[in-house]
Amino acid sequence: MQEQLRRYPVAAPRVIGIDEVSLRKGHSYRIVVSDLERRRPIWFGGKDRSKESLDIFYQWLGAKKVKKIRLAVMDMWKAFEKSTRENVSQAAIVYDKFHVMRHLGDALDTVRKMEYARLSGKDRSYIKGQKYTLLSNREIMGARL
């Protein structure tokens, strides 16, 4: 990846994607930033997935190019959000659909379990076994997002 990044100069991105990759099993991570409009990685680095590591990207990109970023897509990792809000205050942050859907699914499951515990008899038996039905209903889970 480093060789590819060296060969192609980075134009000022307007929409970036931020994610981490695991280098080996365990907790050894590096950050990958991609230009989502041009569909290619533009930076790989940092020492971990910390705010300080993402700050290195914004410093590397330079103030002039950073000002052109309008949208940053990322998971819900607080360090990424904090660094982006500090370094690219004009950019909107969008969380990736995978993480949003995971949180929605967890919330739905919590409510389902609370309702099951609250009810008894016939009402309780109606809820038992309905997790799949709820999660497979495209309208309930926001497939139209």
Foldseek 3Di string as FASTA:
>chain_A
DVVVLVVDDDDQAQEKEKDWDAPDPDFFIWIWIPRVVVPGTNDIGARHPALVRVLVVLVVCPLVSLQNHAEYEYAPDVSVVVNCCVRNVNHDYHYDPVRVLVVVLVVVVVVLVVQLVVDDDPSNVVSPPCSCVQVVPCVNSPVVD
